[in-house]
Amino acid sequence: MPDFVGKGLAAARDSLPRDASVTNKDASGRGRIVILESDWTVCAQTPRPGAAYHGQPVTFSAVKIGERCP
């Protein structure tokens, strides 16, 4: 799995296969819904960077561009 931390959420999703199961979470803890992925930056991911990717679900925790990751 590539390291997407610090990269744009839209670019991270685009790097995965089209049929990948992806969940986006608001890393700020405010419970916001990610509507426009191009407005968000990845703070954390599962599977972790370097892990083998075999089609398992992917979760990205992200904040809006310009915000700091917790």
C-alpha atoms as a PDB file:
ATOM      1  CA  MET A   1       0.000   0.000   0.000  1.00  0.00           C
ATOM      2  CA  PRO A   2       1.479   3.372  -0.956  1.00  0.00           C
ATOM      3  CA  ASP A   3       1.960   6.096   1.665  1.00  0.00           C
ATOM      4  CA  PHE A   4      -0.825   8.623   1.072  1.00  0.00           C
ATOM      5  CA  VAL A   5      -0.308  10.621   4.301  1.00  0.00           C
ATOM      6  CA  GLY A   6       0.056  14.315   3.461  1.00  0.00           C
ATOM      7  CA  LYS A   7      -1.376  13.838  -0.017  1.00  0.00           C
ATOM      8  CA  GLY A   8      -4.727  14.960  -1.351  1.00  0.00           C
ATOM      9  CA  LEU A   9      -7.633  12.634  -0.646  1.00  0.00           C
ATOM     10  CA  ALA A  10      -8.827  12.695  -4.270  1.00  0.00           C
ATOM     11  CA  ALA A  11      -5.361  11.736  -5.531  1.00  0.00           C
ATOM     12  CA  ALA A  12      -5.159   8.927  -2.967  1.00  0.00           C
ATOM     13  CA  ARG A  13      -8.475   7.468  -4.088  1.00  0.00           C
ATOM     14  CA  ASP A  14      -7.523   7.831  -7.755  1.00  0.00           C
ATOM     15  CA  SER A  15      -4.380   5.775  -7.076  1.00  0.00           C
ATOM     16  CA  LEU A  16      -6.449   2.785  -5.967  1.00  0.00           C
ATOM     17  CA  PRO A  17      -8.354   0.402  -8.239  1.00  0.00           C
ATOM     18  CA  ARG A  18     -11.788   1.672  -9.288  1.00  0.00           C
ATOM     19  CA  ASP A  19     -13.559  -1.111  -7.401  1.00  0.00           C
ATOM     20  CA  ALA A  20     -11.688  -0.482  -4.119  1.00  0.00           C
ATOM     21  CA  SER A  21     -13.879  -0.145  -1.034  1.00  0.00           C
ATOM     22  CA  VAL A  22     -12.875   3.226   0.448  1.00  0.00           C
ATOM     23  CA  THR A  23     -14.186   4.937   3.586  1.00  0.00           C
ATOM     24  CA  ASN A  24     -13.299   8.556   4.369  1.00  0.00           C
ATOM     25  CA  LYS A  25     -13.352   9.869   7.949  1.00  0.00           C
ATOM     26  CA  ASP A  26     -12.936  13.351   9.390  1.00  0.00           C
ATOM     27  CA  ALA A  27      -9.706  13.186  11.407  1.00  0.00           C
ATOM     28  CA  SER A  28     -10.543  16.419  13.263  1.00  0.00           C
ATOM     29  CA  GLY A  29     -13.095  14.628  15.433  1.00  0.00           C
ATOM     30  CA  ARG A  30     -15.842  17.045  14.371  1.00  0.00           C
ATOM     31  CA  GLY A  31     -17.731  14.369  12.459  1.00  0.00           C
ATOM     32  CA  ARG A  32     -17.857  16.256   9.178  1.00  0.00           C
ATOM     33  CA  ILE A  33     -18.840  14.372   6.055  1.00  0.00           C
ATOM     34  CA  VAL A  34     -16.343  14.336   3.197  1.00  0.00           C
ATOM     35  CA  ILE A  35     -18.297  15.536   0.183  1.00  0.00           C
ATOM     36  CA  LEU A  36     -15.608  16.941  -2.112  1.00  0.00           C
ATOM     37  CA  GLU A  37     -12.478  14.786  -1.777  1.00  0.00           C
ATOM     38  CA  SER A  38     -10.331  17.393  -3.528  1.00  0.00           C
ATOM     39  CA  ASP A  39     -10.768  19.668  -0.473  1.00  0.00           C
ATOM     40  CA  TRP A  40      -9.181  17.181   1.968  1.00  0.00           C
ATOM     41  CA  THR A  41      -5.678  15.979   2.913  1.00  0.00           C
ATOM     42  CA  VAL A  42      -4.933  12.459   4.192  1.00  0.00           C
ATOM     43  CA  CYS A  43      -3.714  12.273   7.818  1.00  0.00           C
ATOM     44  CA  ALA A  44      -3.800   8.501   8.342  1.00  0.00           C
ATOM     45  CA  GLN A  45      -4.689   5.377   6.457  1.00  0.00           C
ATOM     46  CA  THR A  46      -5.433   1.696   6.860  1.00  0.00           C
ATOM     47  CA  PRO A  47      -3.940  -0.530   5.616  1.00  0.00           C
ATOM     48  CA  ARG A  48      -0.745   1.169   6.716  1.00  0.00           C
ATOM     49  CA  PRO A  49       1.856   2.352   4.201  1.00  0.00           C
ATOM     50  CA  GLY A  50       3.980  -0.527   2.973  1.00  0.00           C
ATOM     51  CA  ALA A  51       1.379  -3.193   3.788  1.00  0.00           C
ATOM     52  CA  ALA A  52       0.335  -5.548   1.036  1.00  0.00           C
ATOM     53  CA  TYR A  53      -2.878  -4.516  -0.698  1.00  0.00           C
ATOM     54  CA  HIS A  54      -5.093  -7.413  -1.747  1.00  0.00           C
ATOM     55  CA  GLY A  55      -8.387  -5.619  -2.330  1.00  0.00           C
ATOM     56  CA  GLN A  56      -9.251  -5.199   1.351  1.00  0.00           C
ATOM     57  CA  PRO A  57     -11.246  -2.126   2.468  1.00  0.00           C
ATOM     58  CA  VAL A  58      -9.267   1.110   2.782  1.00  0.00           C
ATOM     59  CA  THR A  59      -9.939   3.854   5.334  1.00  0.00           C
ATOM     60  CA  PHE A  60      -8.564   7.366   5.032  1.00  0.00           C
ATOM     61  CA  SER A  61      -8.691   9.838   7.921  1.00  0.00           C
ATOM     62  CA  ALA A  62      -8.397  13.366   6.587  1.00  0.00           C
ATOM     63  CA  VAL A  63      -8.736  17.051   7.366  1.00  0.00           C
ATOM     64  CA  LYS A  64      -9.693  19.920   5.104  1.00  0.00           C
ATOM     65  CA  ILE A  65      -6.811  21.446   3.180  1.00  0.00           C
ATOM     66  CA  GLY A  66      -5.043  24.024   5.356  1.00  0.00           C
ATOM     67  CA  GLU A  67      -5.966  22.308   8.628  1.00  0.00           C
ATOM     68  CA  ARG A  68      -3.425  20.432  10.759  1.00  0.00           C
ATOM     69  CA  CYS A  69      -3.685  16.712  11.303  1.00  0.00           C
ATOM     70  CA  PRO A  70      -4.370  15.797  14.920  1.00  0.00           C
END
